[in-house]
């Protein structure tokens, strides 16, 4: 299937270069959402800081729900260093 034959939502997807998946993401329990800003590095669009909600985490991984069609899902797994409770200086 060529890219012209893909549905629009698939064409909007972009790879996240700083994605940091845990080995067993299903084993993480949901927490009460915490409003955060997440640093996302898109393959085509570069670095961007987006509002989101941290809902799953451990010492090495954070799952942040974001409302952005480019991620191809409901959020991104990143390292804790990419998540801020306020904008980085």
C-alpha atoms as a PDB file:
ATOM      1  CA  UNK A   1       0.000   0.000   0.000  1.00  0.00           C
ATOM      2  CA  UNK A   2       1.515   3.333  -1.013  1.00  0.00           C
ATOM      3  CA  UNK A   3       1.391   6.367   1.274  1.00  0.00           C
ATOM      4  CA  UNK A   4      -1.277   7.906  -0.974  1.00  0.00           C
ATOM      5  CA  UNK A   5      -3.550   4.958  -0.161  1.00  0.00           C
ATOM      6  CA  UNK A   6      -3.212   5.413   3.611  1.00  0.00           C
ATOM      7  CA  UNK A   7      -6.066   6.934   5.640  1.00  0.00           C
ATOM      8  CA  UNK A   8      -5.472  10.504   6.892  1.00  0.00           C
ATOM      9  CA  UNK A   9      -4.908   9.487  10.532  1.00  0.00           C
ATOM     10  CA  UNK A  10      -2.087   7.160   9.475  1.00  0.00           C
ATOM     11  CA  UNK A  11      -0.476   9.874   7.337  1.00  0.00           C
ATOM     12  CA  UNK A  12      -0.400  12.213  10.379  1.00  0.00           C
ATOM     13  CA  UNK A  13       1.619   9.767  12.514  1.00  0.00           C
ATOM     14  CA  UNK A  14       5.205  10.692  13.303  1.00  0.00           C
ATOM     15  CA  UNK A  15       7.922   8.651  14.971  1.00  0.00           C
ATOM     16  CA  UNK A  16       8.859   9.787  18.484  1.00  0.00           C
ATOM     17  CA  UNK A  17      12.642   9.654  18.783  1.00  0.00           C
ATOM     18  CA  UNK A  18      12.763   9.897  22.585  1.00  0.00           C
ATOM     19  CA  UNK A  19      10.201   7.125  23.162  1.00  0.00           C
ATOM     20  CA  UNK A  20      11.282   4.953  26.124  1.00  0.00           C
ATOM     21  CA  UNK A  21       9.095   1.832  26.414  1.00  0.00           C
ATOM     22  CA  UNK A  22       9.221  -0.353  29.529  1.00  0.00           C
ATOM     23  CA  UNK A  23       9.571  -4.102  29.044  1.00  0.00           C
ATOM     24  CA  UNK A  24       6.069  -4.801  30.377  1.00  0.00           C
ATOM     25  CA  UNK A  25       3.917  -1.676  29.927  1.00  0.00           C
ATOM     26  CA  UNK A  26       0.724  -3.577  30.792  1.00  0.00           C
ATOM     27  CA  UNK A  27       2.071  -4.217  34.293  1.00  0.00           C
ATOM     28  CA  UNK A  28       1.931  -0.485  35.147  1.00  0.00           C
ATOM     29  CA  UNK A  29      -1.105   0.628  37.116  1.00  0.00           C
ATOM     30  CA  UNK A  30      -2.891   3.872  36.373  1.00  0.00           C
ATOM     31  CA  UNK A  31      -2.451   6.688  38.895  1.00  0.00           C
ATOM     32  CA  UNK A  32      -4.535   9.798  39.320  1.00  0.00           C
ATOM     33  CA  UNK A  33      -3.542  12.062  36.396  1.00  0.00           C
ATOM     34  CA  UNK A  34      -0.913  14.705  37.122  1.00  0.00           C
ATOM     35  CA  UNK A  35      -0.809  17.706  34.752  1.00  0.00           C
ATOM     36  CA  UNK A  36       2.646  17.906  33.154  1.00  0.00           C
ATOM     37  CA  UNK A  37       4.561  19.218  30.183  1.00  0.00           C
ATOM     38  CA  UNK A  38       6.318  16.510  28.185  1.00  0.00           C
ATOM     39  CA  UNK A  39       9.287  16.934  25.873  1.00  0.00           C
ATOM     40  CA  UNK A  40       8.642  15.044  22.631  1.00  0.00           C
ATOM     41  CA  UNK A  41      11.222  14.759  19.849  1.00  0.00           C
ATOM     42  CA  UNK A  42       9.418  14.052  16.584  1.00  0.00           C
ATOM     43  CA  UNK A  43      11.371  12.502  13.714  1.00  0.00           C
ATOM     44  CA  UNK A  44      10.074  15.023  11.173  1.00  0.00           C
ATOM     45  CA  UNK A  45       8.961  17.950  13.345  1.00  0.00           C
ATOM     46  CA  UNK A  46      11.779  18.200  15.897  1.00  0.00           C
ATOM     47  CA  UNK A  47      11.607  18.966  19.610  1.00  0.00           C
ATOM     48  CA  UNK A  48       8.348  20.174  21.127  1.00  0.00           C
ATOM     49  CA  UNK A  49       6.960  20.678  24.641  1.00  0.00           C
ATOM     50  CA  UNK A  50       3.335  19.531  24.934  1.00  0.00           C
ATOM     51  CA  UNK A  51       0.768  19.600  27.730  1.00  0.00           C
ATOM     52  CA  UNK A  52      -0.309  16.208  29.009  1.00  0.00           C
ATOM     53  CA  UNK A  53      -1.121  14.048  32.002  1.00  0.00           C
ATOM     54  CA  UNK A  54       1.283  11.598  33.614  1.00  0.00           C
ATOM     55  CA  UNK A  55      -0.756   8.501  34.450  1.00  0.00           C
ATOM     56  CA  UNK A  56       1.758   5.621  34.737  1.00  0.00           C
ATOM     57  CA  UNK A  57       5.338   5.669  35.949  1.00  0.00           C
ATOM     58  CA  UNK A  58       8.244   4.107  37.748  1.00  0.00           C
ATOM     59  CA  UNK A  59      11.806   5.323  38.367  1.00  0.00           C
ATOM     60  CA  UNK A  60      12.781   4.869  34.689  1.00  0.00           C
ATOM     61  CA  UNK A  61       9.585   5.377  32.648  1.00  0.00           C
ATOM     62  CA  UNK A  62       6.621   7.748  32.479  1.00  0.00           C
ATOM     63  CA  UNK A  63       3.509   7.352  30.339  1.00  0.00           C
ATOM     64  CA  UNK A  64       2.050  10.742  29.457  1.00  0.00           C
ATOM     65  CA  UNK A  65      -1.352  11.053  27.807  1.00  0.00           C
ATOM     66  CA  UNK A  66      -1.250  13.695  25.113  1.00  0.00           C
ATOM     67  CA  UNK A  67      -3.811  14.885  22.614  1.00  0.00           C
ATOM     68  CA  UNK A  68      -1.756  14.843  19.419  1.00  0.00           C
ATOM     69  CA  UNK A  69      -2.640  12.812  16.333  1.00  0.00           C
ATOM     70  CA  UNK A  70       1.029  12.484  15.414  1.00  0.00           C
ATOM     71  CA  UNK A  71       1.726   9.995  18.223  1.00  0.00           C
ATOM     72  CA  UNK A  72      -0.647   7.419  16.743  1.00  0.00           C
ATOM     73  CA  UNK A  73      -2.136   6.597  20.143  1.00  0.00           C
ATOM     74  CA  UNK A  74      -3.208   8.176  23.392  1.00  0.00           C
ATOM     75  CA  UNK A  75       0.226   9.097  24.683  1.00  0.00           C
ATOM     76  CA  UNK A  76       3.954   8.447  24.873  1.00  0.00           C
ATOM     77  CA  UNK A  77       6.355   6.534  27.114  1.00  0.00           C
ATOM     78  CA  UNK A  78       9.383   8.675  27.914  1.00  0.00           C
ATOM     79  CA  UNK A  79      12.167   8.969  30.482  1.00  0.00           C
ATOM     80  CA  UNK A  80      11.353  10.965  33.627  1.00  0.00           C
ATOM     81  CA  UNK A  81      13.862  13.643  32.548  1.00  0.00           C
ATOM     82  CA  UNK A  82      11.482  14.500  29.661  1.00  0.00           C
ATOM     83  CA  UNK A  83       8.542  15.244  31.985  1.00  0.00           C
ATOM     84  CA  UNK A  84       8.049  18.555  33.799  1.00  0.00           C
ATOM     85  CA  UNK A  85       5.451  19.781  36.274  1.00  0.00           C
ATOM     86  CA  UNK A  86       6.122  23.250  34.850  1.00  0.00           C
ATOM     87  CA  UNK A  87       7.871  24.472  31.713  1.00  0.00           C
ATOM     88  CA  UNK A  88      11.661  23.958  31.735  1.00  0.00           C
ATOM     89  CA  UNK A  89      13.767  27.098  31.974  1.00  0.00           C
END
